[in-house]
Amino acid sequence: MPSPELVITDSAVQRIRTLREKGSRPNAALRMRIIAGGCSGMQYRMDLTETPRPDDVIVEAFDVRVLVDPRSMAFLRGATLDYAEELIGGQFKIANPNAKASCSCGLSFMA
């Protein structure tokens, strides 16, 4: 059985809802993409967007959508998007089975 495209945890769903409320953008989706850079060669980028692109992969969890372009999905397939609160603040965390190595901050990886 193939792995799911992207797993979105309950805490990530809650955080996306909070970001939509804070930005007064109730219909916004979280866009995830992979770009070159970071301390391990590739890094995750996320922002809110209102409109999916024609070729986006749309992953839904409850009332939340995450949009990923096909090139980025090749690196994210089977990954888990989570959100964790820590003493110095919170951040999205990605558990990516496709990453050969990750930096300590968890925001960049090597494929």
PDB file of N, CA and C in Angstrom:
ATOM      1  N   MET A   1       0.848  -1.185   0.000  1.00  0.00           N
ATOM      2  CA  MET A   1       0.000   0.000   0.000  1.00  0.00           C
ATOM      3  C   MET A   1       0.889   1.244   0.000  1.00  0.00           C
ATOM      4  N   PRO A   2       0.656   2.203  -0.916  1.00  0.00           N
ATOM      5  CA  PRO A   2       1.500   3.402  -0.972  1.00  0.00           C
ATOM      6  C   PRO A   2       1.279   4.290   0.256  1.00  0.00           C
ATOM      7  N   SER A   3       2.333   5.029   0.612  1.00  0.00           N
ATOM      8  CA  SER A   3       2.211   5.928   1.757  1.00  0.00           C
ATOM      9  C   SER A   3       1.350   7.124   1.368  1.00  0.00           C
ATOM     10  N   PRO A   4       0.696   7.747   2.354  1.00  0.00           N
ATOM     11  CA  PRO A   4      -0.122   8.926   2.040  1.00  0.00           C
ATOM     12  C   PRO A   4       0.763  10.055   1.514  1.00  0.00           C
ATOM     13  N   GLU A   5       0.150  10.945   0.753  1.00  0.00           N
ATOM     14  CA  GLU A   5       0.930  12.047   0.191  1.00  0.00           C
ATOM     15  C   GLU A   5       1.570  12.889   1.273  1.00  0.00           C
ATOM     16  N   LEU A   6       0.776  13.281   2.266  1.00  0.00           N
ATOM     17  CA  LEU A   6       1.269  14.108   3.362  1.00  0.00           C
ATOM     18  C   LEU A   6       0.311  13.943   4.527  1.00  0.00           C
ATOM     19  N   VAL A   7       0.841  13.656   5.693  1.00  0.00           N
ATOM     20  CA  VAL A   7       0.019  13.521   6.896  1.00  0.00           C
ATOM     21  C   VAL A   7       0.051  14.855   7.634  1.00  0.00           C
ATOM     22  N   ILE A   8      -1.113  15.325   8.042  1.00  0.00           N
ATOM     23  CA  ILE A   8      -1.224  16.585   8.779  1.00  0.00           C
ATOM     24  C   ILE A   8      -1.766  16.253  10.161  1.00  0.00           C
ATOM     25  N   THR A   9      -0.986  16.522  11.195  1.00  0.00           N
ATOM     26  CA  THR A   9      -1.409  16.187  12.553  1.00  0.00           C
ATOM     27  C   THR A   9      -2.477  17.164  13.054  1.00  0.00           C
ATOM     28  N   ASP A  10      -3.143  16.764  14.127  1.00  0.00           N
ATOM     29  CA  ASP A  10      -4.170  17.626  14.732  1.00  0.00           C
ATOM     30  C   ASP A  10      -3.589  18.957  15.187  1.00  0.00           C
ATOM     31  N   SER A  11      -2.364  18.938  15.728  1.00  0.00           N
ATOM     32  CA  SER A  11      -1.764  20.196  16.197  1.00  0.00           C
ATOM     33  C   SER A  11      -1.432  21.116  15.015  1.00  0.00           C
ATOM     34  N   ALA A  12      -1.051  20.560  13.868  1.00  0.00           N
ATOM     35  CA  ALA A  12      -0.810  21.377  12.675  1.00  0.00           C
ATOM     36  C   ALA A  12      -2.122  21.963  12.167  1.00  0.00           C
ATOM     37  N   VAL A  13      -3.188  21.173  12.204  1.00  0.00           N
ATOM     38  CA  VAL A  13      -4.508  21.672  11.802  1.00  0.00           C
ATOM     39  C   VAL A  13      -4.891  22.857  12.678  1.00  0.00           C
ATOM     40  N   GLN A  14      -4.716  22.717  13.993  1.00  0.00           N
ATOM     41  CA  GLN A  14      -5.060  23.801  14.923  1.00  0.00           C
ATOM     42  C   GLN A  14      -4.253  25.060  14.632  1.00  0.00           C
ATOM     43  N   ARG A  15      -2.960  24.900  14.343  1.00  0.00           N
ATOM     44  CA  ARG A  15      -2.106  26.059  14.076  1.00  0.00           C
ATOM     45  C   ARG A  15      -2.513  26.755  12.773  1.00  0.00           C
ATOM     46  N   ILE A  16      -2.833  25.991  11.754  1.00  0.00           N
ATOM     47  CA  ILE A  16      -3.274  26.592  10.494  1.00  0.00           C
ATOM     48  C   ILE A  16      -4.572  27.358  10.716  1.00  0.00           C
ATOM     49  N   ARG A  17      -5.481  26.795  11.501  1.00  0.00           N
ATOM     50  CA  ARG A  17      -6.720  27.510  11.835  1.00  0.00           C
ATOM     51  C   ARG A  17      -6.415  28.831  12.536  1.00  0.00           C
ATOM     52  N   THR A  18      -5.484  28.792  13.478  1.00  0.00           N
ATOM     53  CA  THR A  18      -5.097  30.001  14.215  1.00  0.00           C
ATOM     54  C   THR A  18      -4.507  31.045  13.271  1.00  0.00           C
ATOM     55  N   LEU A  19      -3.637  30.632  12.368  1.00  0.00           N
ATOM     56  CA  LEU A  19      -3.041  31.568  11.412  1.00  0.00           C
ATOM     57  C   LEU A  19      -4.103  32.191  10.513  1.00  0.00           C
ATOM     58  N   ARG A  20      -5.071  31.391  10.100  1.00  0.00           N
ATOM     59  CA  ARG A  20      -6.165  31.940   9.281  1.00  0.00           C
ATOM     60  C   ARG A  20      -6.968  32.973  10.058  1.00  0.00           C
ATOM     61  N   GLU A  21      -7.266  32.669  11.322  1.00  0.00           N
ATOM     62  CA  GLU A  21      -8.032  33.608  12.152  1.00  0.00           C
ATOM     63  C   GLU A  21      -7.260  34.903  12.389  1.00  0.00           C
ATOM     64  N   LYS A  22      -5.979  34.784  12.752  1.00  0.00           N
ATOM     65  CA  LYS A  22      -5.150  35.973  13.004  1.00  0.00           C
ATOM     66  C   LYS A  22      -5.042  36.851  11.767  1.00  0.00           C
ATOM     67  N   GLY A  23      -4.985  36.247  10.606  1.00  0.00           N
ATOM     68  CA  GLY A  23      -4.850  36.999   9.365  1.00  0.00           C
ATOM     69  C   GLY A  23      -6.184  37.373   8.738  1.00  0.00           C
ATOM     70  N   SER A  24      -7.282  37.053   9.413  1.00  0.00           N
ATOM     71  CA  SER A  24      -8.632  37.300   8.878  1.00  0.00           C
ATOM     72  C   SER A  24      -8.767  36.726   7.467  1.00  0.00           C
ATOM     73  N   ARG A  25      -8.268  35.505   7.310  1.00  0.00           N
ATOM     74  CA  ARG A  25      -8.306  34.822   6.007  1.00  0.00           C
ATOM     75  C   ARG A  25      -8.921  33.433   6.198  1.00  0.00           C
ATOM     76  N   PRO A  26     -10.226  33.370   6.433  1.00  0.00           N
ATOM     77  CA  PRO A  26     -10.865  32.103   6.789  1.00  0.00           C
ATOM     78  C   PRO A  26     -10.779  31.011   5.729  1.00  0.00           C
ATOM     79  N   ASN A  27     -10.561  31.373   4.475  1.00  0.00           N
ATOM     80  CA  ASN A  27     -10.502  30.381   3.403  1.00  0.00           C
ATOM     81  C   ASN A  27      -9.072  30.078   2.949  1.00  0.00           C
ATOM     82  N   ALA A  28      -8.101  30.640   3.631  1.00  0.00           N
ATOM     83  CA  ALA A  28      -6.711  30.452   3.218  1.00  0.00           C
ATOM     84  C   ALA A  28      -6.253  29.008   3.449  1.00  0.00           C
ATOM     85  N   ALA A  29      -5.304  28.595   2.631  1.00  0.00           N
ATOM     86  CA  ALA A  29      -4.665  27.288   2.757  1.00  0.00           C
ATOM     87  C   ALA A  29      -3.187  27.523   3.049  1.00  0.00           C
ATOM     88  N   LEU A  30      -2.546  26.537   3.630  1.00  0.00           N
ATOM     89  CA  LEU A  30      -1.106  26.610   3.856  1.00  0.00           C
ATOM     90  C   LEU A  30      -0.401  26.076   2.618  1.00  0.00           C
ATOM     91  N   ARG A  31       0.481  26.880   2.035  1.00  0.00           N
ATOM     92  CA  ARG A  31       1.289  26.422   0.907  1.00  0.00           C
ATOM     93  C   ARG A  31       2.632  25.963   1.452  1.00  0.00           C
ATOM     94  N   MET A  32       3.020  24.735   1.106  1.00  0.00           N
ATOM     95  CA  MET A  32       4.335  24.199   1.454  1.00  0.00           C
ATOM     96  C   MET A  32       5.119  24.037   0.174  1.00  0.00           C
ATOM     97  N   ARG A  33       6.392  24.423   0.230  1.00  0.00           N
ATOM     98  CA  ARG A  33       7.240  24.209  -0.931  1.00  0.00           C
ATOM     99  C   ARG A  33       8.673  23.957  -0.467  1.00  0.00           C
ATOM    100  N   ILE A  34       9.432  23.381  -1.358  1.00  0.00           N
ATOM    101  CA  ILE A  34      10.839  23.096  -1.118  1.00  0.00           C
ATOM    102  C   ILE A  34      11.638  24.033  -2.016  1.00  0.00           C
ATOM    103  N   ILE A  35      12.618  24.713  -1.430  1.00  0.00           N
ATOM    104  CA  ILE A  35      13.485  25.586  -2.211  1.00  0.00           C
ATOM    105  C   ILE A  35      14.942  25.252  -1.889  1.00  0.00           C
ATOM    106  N   ALA A  36      15.835  25.638  -2.766  1.00  0.00           N
ATOM    107  CA  ALA A  36      17.262  25.438  -2.523  1.00  0.00           C
ATOM    108  C   ALA A  36      17.704  26.393  -1.427  1.00  0.00           C
ATOM    109  N   GLY A  37      18.571  25.922  -0.542  1.00  0.00           N
ATOM    110  CA  GLY A  37      19.110  26.769   0.512  1.00  0.00           C
ATOM    111  C   GLY A  37      19.096  26.064   1.855  1.00  0.00           C
ATOM    112  N   GLY A  38      19.353  26.820   2.884  1.00  0.00           N
ATOM    113  CA  GLY A  38      19.415  26.255   4.225  1.00  0.00           C
ATOM    114  C   GLY A  38      20.748  25.573   4.468  1.00  0.00           C
ATOM    115  N   CYS A  39      20.966  25.157   5.693  1.00  0.00           N
ATOM    116  CA  CYS A  39      22.259  24.579   6.044  1.00  0.00           C
ATOM    117  C   CYS A  39      22.444  23.154   5.519  1.00  0.00           C
ATOM    118  N   SER A  40      21.370  22.512   5.045  1.00  0.00           N
ATOM    119  CA  SER A  40      21.503  21.155   4.521  1.00  0.00           C
ATOM    120  C   SER A  40      21.252  21.049   3.016  1.00  0.00           C
ATOM    121  N   GLY A  41      21.034  22.177   2.345  1.00  0.00           N
ATOM    122  CA  GLY A  41      20.898  22.161   0.891  1.00  0.00           C
ATOM    123  C   GLY A  41      19.504  22.461   0.370  1.00  0.00           C
ATOM    124  N   MET A  42      18.476  22.033   1.093  1.00  0.00           N
ATOM    125  CA  MET A  42      17.096  22.311   0.698  1.00  0.00           C
ATOM    126  C   MET A  42      16.349  22.745   1.951  1.00  0.00           C
ATOM    127  N   GLN A  43      15.384  23.630   1.770  1.00  0.00           N
ATOM    128  CA  GLN A  43      14.641  24.079   2.939  1.00  0.00           C
ATOM    129  C   GLN A  43      13.152  24.155   2.656  1.00  0.00           C
ATOM    130  N   TYR A  44      12.386  24.047   3.723  1.00  0.00           N
ATOM    131  CA  TYR A  44      10.935  24.125   3.645  1.00  0.00           C
ATOM    132  C   TYR A  44      10.511  25.581   3.714  1.00  0.00           C
ATOM    133  N   ARG A  45       9.520  25.945   2.923  1.00  0.00           N
ATOM    134  CA  ARG A  45       8.920  27.278   2.987  1.00  0.00           C
ATOM    135  C   ARG A  45       7.420  27.091   3.111  1.00  0.00           C
ATOM    136  N   MET A  46       6.790  27.902   3.946  1.00  0.00           N
ATOM    137  CA  MET A  46       5.347  27.830   4.147  1.00  0.00           C
ATOM    138  C   MET A  46       4.773  29.230   4.244  1.00  0.00           C
ATOM    139  N   ASP A  47       3.606  29.417   3.652  1.00  0.00           N
ATOM    140  CA  ASP A  47       2.871  30.658   3.797  1.00  0.00           C
ATOM    141  C   ASP A  47       1.403  30.390   3.511  1.00  0.00           C
ATOM    142  N   LEU A  48       0.563  31.354   3.842  1.00  0.00           N
ATOM    143  CA  LEU A  48      -0.858  31.219   3.556  1.00  0.00           C
ATOM    144  C   LEU A  48      -1.162  31.755   2.175  1.00  0.00           C
ATOM    145  N   THR A  49      -2.090  31.110   1.507  1.00  0.00           N
ATOM    146  CA  THR A  49      -2.523  31.555   0.189  1.00  0.00           C
ATOM    147  C   THR A  49      -4.010  31.292   0.047  1.00  0.00           C
ATOM    148  N   GLU A  50      -4.651  32.079  -0.779  1.00  0.00           N
ATOM    149  CA  GLU A  50      -6.087  31.927  -0.992  1.00  0.00           C
ATOM    150  C   GLU A  50      -6.411  30.987  -2.154  1.00  0.00           C
ATOM    151  N   THR A  51      -5.529  30.940  -3.152  1.00  0.00           N
ATOM    152  CA  THR A  51      -5.877  30.268  -4.393  1.00  0.00           C
ATOM    153  C   THR A  51      -4.895  29.158  -4.741  1.00  0.00           C
ATOM    154  N   PRO A  52      -5.389  27.954  -4.937  1.00  0.00           N
ATOM    155  CA  PRO A  52      -4.505  26.881  -5.408  1.00  0.00           C
ATOM    156  C   PRO A  52      -4.083  27.132  -6.854  1.00  0.00           C
ATOM    157  N   ARG A  53      -2.911  26.658  -7.193  1.00  0.00           N
ATOM    158  CA  ARG A  53      -2.452  26.692  -8.583  1.00  0.00           C
ATOM    159  C   ARG A  53      -3.033  25.467  -9.297  1.00  0.00           C
ATOM    160  N   PRO A  54      -3.162  25.518 -10.606  1.00  0.00           N
ATOM    161  CA  PRO A  54      -3.800  24.405 -11.333  1.00  0.00           C
ATOM    162  C   PRO A  54      -3.145  23.041 -11.092  1.00  0.00           C
ATOM    163  N   ASP A  55      -1.834  22.994 -10.891  1.00  0.00           N
ATOM    164  CA  ASP A  55      -1.155  21.707 -10.725  1.00  0.00           C
ATOM    165  C   ASP A  55      -0.868  21.338  -9.267  1.00  0.00           C
ATOM    166  N   ASP A  56      -1.363  22.132  -8.315  1.00  0.00           N
ATOM    167  CA  ASP A  56      -1.119  21.836  -6.901  1.00  0.00           C
ATOM    168  C   ASP A  56      -1.726  20.503  -6.487  1.00  0.00           C
ATOM    169  N   VAL A  57      -1.015  19.818  -5.613  1.00  0.00           N
ATOM    170  CA  VAL A  57      -1.587  18.679  -4.899  1.00  0.00           C
ATOM    171  C   VAL A  57      -2.248  19.282  -3.670  1.00  0.00           C
ATOM    172  N   ILE A  58      -3.511  18.955  -3.445  1.00  0.00           N
ATOM    173  CA  ILE A  58      -4.251  19.504  -2.313  1.00  0.00           C
ATOM    174  C   ILE A  58      -4.474  18.383  -1.304  1.00  0.00           C
ATOM    175  N   VAL A  59      -3.936  18.591  -0.097  1.00  0.00           N
ATOM    176  CA  VAL A  59      -4.090  17.626   0.982  1.00  0.00           C
ATOM    177  C   VAL A  59      -5.010  18.267   2.012  1.00  0.00           C
ATOM    178  N   GLU A  60      -6.062  17.556   2.392  1.00  0.00           N
ATOM    179  CA  GLU A  60      -7.038  18.109   3.320  1.00  0.00           C
ATOM    180  C   GLU A  60      -7.063  17.314   4.610  1.00  0.00           C
ATOM    181  N   ALA A  61      -7.244  18.033   5.703  1.00  0.00           N
ATOM    182  CA  ALA A  61      -7.446  17.432   7.017  1.00  0.00           C
ATOM    183  C   ALA A  61      -8.485  18.290   7.727  1.00  0.00           C
ATOM    184  N   PHE A  62      -9.633  17.708   8.007  1.00  0.00           N
ATOM    185  CA  PHE A  62     -10.759  18.443   8.578  1.00  0.00           C
ATOM    186  C   PHE A  62     -11.103  19.613   7.666  1.00  0.00           C
ATOM    187  N   ASP A  63     -11.057  20.844   8.167  1.00  0.00           N
ATOM    188  CA  ASP A  63     -11.401  22.020   7.362  1.00  0.00           C
ATOM    189  C   ASP A  63     -10.163  22.764   6.860  1.00  0.00           C
ATOM    190  N   VAL A  64      -9.023  22.114   6.869  1.00  0.00           N
ATOM    191  CA  VAL A  64      -7.746  22.737   6.514  1.00  0.00           C
ATOM    192  C   VAL A  64      -7.215  22.117   5.228  1.00  0.00           C
ATOM    193  N   ARG A  65      -6.649  22.977   4.373  1.00  0.00           N
ATOM    194  CA  ARG A  65      -6.009  22.501   3.146  1.00  0.00           C
ATOM    195  C   ARG A  65      -4.535  22.881   3.160  1.00  0.00           C
ATOM    196  N   VAL A  66      -3.711  21.963   2.664  1.00  0.00           N
ATOM    197  CA  VAL A  66      -2.287  22.229   2.452  1.00  0.00           C
ATOM    198  C   VAL A  66      -2.039  22.029   0.959  1.00  0.00           C
ATOM    199  N   LEU A  67      -1.430  23.033   0.332  1.00  0.00           N
ATOM    200  CA  LEU A  67      -1.167  23.009  -1.109  1.00  0.00           C
ATOM    201  C   LEU A  67       0.318  22.777  -1.337  1.00  0.00           C
ATOM    202  N   VAL A  68       0.632  21.861  -2.243  1.00  0.00           N
ATOM    203  CA  VAL A  68       2.024  21.535  -2.528  1.00  0.00           C
ATOM    204  C   VAL A  68       2.175  21.395  -4.043  1.00  0.00           C
ATOM    205  N   ASP A  69       3.170  22.075  -4.615  1.00  0.00           N
ATOM    206  CA  ASP A  69       3.420  21.918  -6.044  1.00  0.00           C
ATOM    207  C   ASP A  69       4.005  20.528  -6.293  1.00  0.00           C
ATOM    208  N   PRO A  70       3.835  19.982  -7.499  1.00  0.00           N
ATOM    209  CA  PRO A  70       4.289  18.612  -7.775  1.00  0.00           C
ATOM    210  C   PRO A  70       5.785  18.385  -7.534  1.00  0.00           C
ATOM    211  N   ARG A  71       6.645  19.347  -7.859  1.00  0.00           N
ATOM    212  CA  ARG A  71       8.088  19.171  -7.644  1.00  0.00           C
ATOM    213  C   ARG A  71       8.384  19.025  -6.159  1.00  0.00           C
ATOM    214  N   SER A  72       7.757  19.865  -5.340  1.00  0.00           N
ATOM    215  CA  SER A  72       7.968  19.779  -3.895  1.00  0.00           C
ATOM    216  C   SER A  72       7.371  18.492  -3.323  1.00  0.00           C
ATOM    217  N   MET A  73       6.227  18.054  -3.869  1.00  0.00           N
ATOM    218  CA  MET A  73       5.598  16.832  -3.362  1.00  0.00           C
ATOM    219  C   MET A  73       6.496  15.625  -3.550  1.00  0.00           C
ATOM    220  N   ALA A  74       7.337  15.649  -4.587  1.00  0.00           N
ATOM    221  CA  ALA A  74       8.276  14.544  -4.789  1.00  0.00           C
ATOM    222  C   ALA A  74       9.194  14.380  -3.572  1.00  0.00           C
ATOM    223  N   PHE A  75       9.512  15.484  -2.895  1.00  0.00           N
ATOM    224  CA  PHE A  75      10.362  15.438  -1.696  1.00  0.00           C
ATOM    225  C   PHE A  75       9.551  15.232  -0.421  1.00  0.00           C
ATOM    226  N   LEU A  76       8.248  15.514  -0.456  1.00  0.00           N
ATOM    227  CA  LEU A  76       7.414  15.478   0.749  1.00  0.00           C
ATOM    228  C   LEU A  76       6.538  14.240   0.868  1.00  0.00           C
ATOM    229  N   ARG A  77       6.460  13.435  -0.171  1.00  0.00           N
ATOM    230  CA  ARG A  77       5.562  12.281  -0.147  1.00  0.00           C
ATOM    231  C   ARG A  77       5.847  11.390   1.064  1.00  0.00           C
ATOM    232  N   GLY A  78       4.805  11.149   1.846  1.00  0.00           N
ATOM    233  CA  GLY A  78       4.941  10.309   3.030  1.00  0.00           C
ATOM    234  C   GLY A  78       5.375  11.056   4.278  1.00  0.00           C
ATOM    235  N   ALA A  79       5.615  12.366   4.166  1.00  0.00           N
ATOM    236  CA  ALA A  79       6.058  13.162   5.320  1.00  0.00           C
ATOM    237  C   ALA A  79       4.876  13.493   6.239  1.00  0.00           C
ATOM    238  N   THR A  80       5.203  13.919   7.442  1.00  0.00           N
ATOM    239  CA  THR A  80       4.197  14.346   8.420  1.00  0.00           C
ATOM    240  C   THR A  80       4.454  15.799   8.778  1.00  0.00           C
ATOM    241  N   LEU A  81       3.410  16.619   8.657  1.00  0.00           N
ATOM    242  CA  LEU A  81       3.465  18.016   9.068  1.00  0.00           C
ATOM    243  C   LEU A  81       2.871  18.113  10.459  1.00  0.00           C
ATOM    244  N   ASP A  82       3.661  18.608  11.407  1.00  0.00           N
ATOM    245  CA  ASP A  82       3.238  18.733  12.801  1.00  0.00           C
ATOM    246  C   ASP A  82       3.510  20.161  13.256  1.00  0.00           C
ATOM    247  N   TYR A  83       2.968  20.528  14.400  1.00  0.00           N
ATOM    248  CA  TYR A  83       3.259  21.821  15.004  1.00  0.00           C
ATOM    249  C   TYR A  83       3.542  21.573  16.475  1.00  0.00           C
ATOM    250  N   ALA A  84       4.619  22.171  16.980  1.00  0.00           N
ATOM    251  CA  ALA A  84       5.006  21.969  18.376  1.00  0.00           C
ATOM    252  C   ALA A  84       5.273  23.307  19.044  1.00  0.00           C
ATOM    253  N   GLU A  85       4.732  23.465  20.229  1.00  0.00           N
ATOM    254  CA  GLU A  85       5.020  24.636  21.075  1.00  0.00           C
ATOM    255  C   GLU A  85       6.205  24.293  21.961  1.00  0.00           C
ATOM    256  N   GLU A  86       7.130  25.244  22.061  1.00  0.00           N
ATOM    257  CA  GLU A  86       8.302  25.064  22.911  1.00  0.00           C
ATOM    258  C   GLU A  86       8.472  26.312  23.765  1.00  0.00           C
ATOM    259  N   LEU A  87       9.429  26.310  24.659  1.00  0.00           N
ATOM    260  CA  LEU A  87       9.641  27.456  25.542  1.00  0.00           C
ATOM    261  C   LEU A  87       9.890  28.755  24.786  1.00  0.00           C
ATOM    262  N   ILE A  88      10.605  28.680  23.685  1.00  0.00           N
ATOM    263  CA  ILE A  88      10.938  29.898  22.937  1.00  0.00           C
ATOM    264  C   ILE A  88       9.953  30.175  21.807  1.00  0.00           C
ATOM    265  N   GLY A  89       8.851  29.462  21.771  1.00  0.00           N
ATOM    266  CA  GLY A  89       7.837  29.662  20.741  1.00  0.00           C
ATOM    267  C   GLY A  89       7.511  28.356  20.055  1.00  0.00           C
ATOM    268  N   GLY A  90       6.659  28.431  19.074  1.00  0.00           N
ATOM    269  CA  GLY A  90       6.253  27.230  18.362  1.00  0.00           C
ATOM    270  C   GLY A  90       6.702  27.281  16.922  1.00  0.00           C
ATOM    271  N   GLN A  91       6.692  26.107  16.295  1.00  0.00           N
ATOM    272  CA  GLN A  91       7.028  26.051  14.881  1.00  0.00           C
ATOM    273  C   GLN A  91       6.476  24.771  14.274  1.00  0.00           C
ATOM    274  N   PHE A  92       6.266  24.831  12.956  1.00  0.00           N
ATOM    275  CA  PHE A  92       5.903  23.625  12.232  1.00  0.00           C
ATOM    276  C   PHE A  92       7.124  22.718  12.199  1.00  0.00           C
ATOM    277  N   LYS A  93       6.881  21.426  12.309  1.00  0.00           N
ATOM    278  CA  LYS A  93       7.942  20.423  12.233  1.00  0.00           C
ATOM    279  C   LYS A  93       7.553  19.428  11.147  1.00  0.00           C
ATOM    280  N   ILE A  94       8.519  19.032  10.362  1.00  0.00           N
ATOM    281  CA  ILE A  94       8.271  18.086   9.286  1.00  0.00           C
ATOM    282  C   ILE A  94       9.115  16.844   9.521  1.00  0.00           C
ATOM    283  N   ALA A  95       8.441  15.721   9.672  1.00  0.00           N
ATOM    284  CA  ALA A  95       9.123  14.427   9.744  1.00  0.00           C
ATOM    285  C   ALA A  95       9.092  13.880   8.324  1.00  0.00           C
ATOM    286  N   ASN A  96      10.246  13.917   7.663  1.00  0.00           N
ATOM    287  CA  ASN A  96      10.310  13.601   6.248  1.00  0.00           C
ATOM    288  C   ASN A  96      11.135  12.331   6.016  1.00  0.00           C
ATOM    289  N   PRO A  97      10.469  11.236   5.627  1.00  0.00           N
ATOM    290  CA  PRO A  97      11.206   9.989   5.388  1.00  0.00           C
ATOM    291  C   PRO A  97      12.107  10.051   4.152  1.00  0.00           C
ATOM    292  N   ASN A  98      11.952  11.082   3.331  1.00  0.00           N
ATOM    293  CA  ASN A  98      12.764  11.228   2.117  1.00  0.00           C
ATOM    294  C   ASN A  98      14.071  11.971   2.368  1.00  0.00           C
ATOM    295  N   ALA A  99      14.217  12.558   3.549  1.00  0.00           N
ATOM    296  CA  ALA A  99      15.427  13.318   3.873  1.00  0.00           C
ATOM    297  C   ALA A  99      16.539  12.365   4.290  1.00  0.00           C
ATOM    298  N   LYS A 100      17.691  12.494   3.643  1.00  0.00           N
ATOM    299  CA  LYS A 100      18.845  11.683   4.021  1.00  0.00           C
ATOM    300  C   LYS A 100      19.510  12.236   5.271  1.00  0.00           C
ATOM    301  N   ALA A 101      19.403  13.559   5.464  1.00  0.00           N
ATOM    302  CA  ALA A 101      19.943  14.234   6.646  1.00  0.00           C
ATOM    303  C   ALA A 101      19.147  15.512   6.855  1.00  0.00           C
ATOM    304  N   SER A 102      19.059  15.945   8.100  1.00  0.00           N
ATOM    305  CA  SER A 102      18.375  17.208   8.433  1.00  0.00           C
ATOM    306  C   SER A 102      19.253  18.019   9.352  1.00  0.00           C
ATOM    307  N   CYS A 103      19.060  19.327   9.329  1.00  0.00           N
ATOM    308  CA  CYS A 103      19.815  20.175  10.242  1.00  0.00           C
ATOM    309  C   CYS A 103      19.117  20.161  11.598  1.00  0.00           C
ATOM    310  N   SER A 104      19.771  20.666  12.596  1.00  0.00           N
ATOM    311  CA  SER A 104      19.206  20.624  13.951  1.00  0.00           C
ATOM    312  C   SER A 104      17.966  21.471  14.112  1.00  0.00           C
ATOM    313  N   CYS A 105      17.815  22.520  13.297  1.00  0.00           N
ATOM    314  CA  CYS A 105      16.623  23.362  13.404  1.00  0.00           C
ATOM    315  C   CYS A 105      15.402  22.694  12.788  1.00  0.00           C
ATOM    316  N   GLY A 106      15.620  21.676  11.959  1.00  0.00           N
ATOM    317  CA  GLY A 106      14.520  20.953  11.349  1.00  0.00           C
ATOM    318  C   GLY A 106      13.876  21.641  10.163  1.00  0.00           C
ATOM    319  N   LEU A 107      14.453  22.762   9.731  1.00  0.00           N
ATOM    320  CA  LEU A 107      13.858  23.505   8.625  1.00  0.00           C
ATOM    321  C   LEU A 107      14.570  23.297   7.300  1.00  0.00           C
ATOM    322  N   SER A 108      15.654  22.559   7.305  1.00  0.00           N
ATOM    323  CA  SER A 108      16.315  22.241   6.041  1.00  0.00           C
ATOM    324  C   SER A 108      16.744  20.774   6.070  1.00  0.00           C
ATOM    325  N   PHE A 109      16.986  20.233   4.885  1.00  0.00           N
ATOM    326  CA  PHE A 109      17.321  18.819   4.779  1.00  0.00           C
ATOM    327  C   PHE A 109      18.143  18.562   3.531  1.00  0.00           C
ATOM    328  N   MET A 110      18.686  17.353   3.470  1.00  0.00           N
ATOM    329  CA  MET A 110      19.431  16.909   2.299  1.00  0.00           C
ATOM    330  C   MET A 110      18.657  15.730   1.720  1.00  0.00           C
ATOM    331  N   ALA A 111      18.418  15.780   0.415  1.00  0.00           N
ATOM    332  CA  ALA A 111      17.655  14.700  -0.236  1.00  0.00           C
ATOM    333  C   ALA A 111      18.589  13.688  -0.866  1.00  0.00           C
TER     334      ALA A 111
END
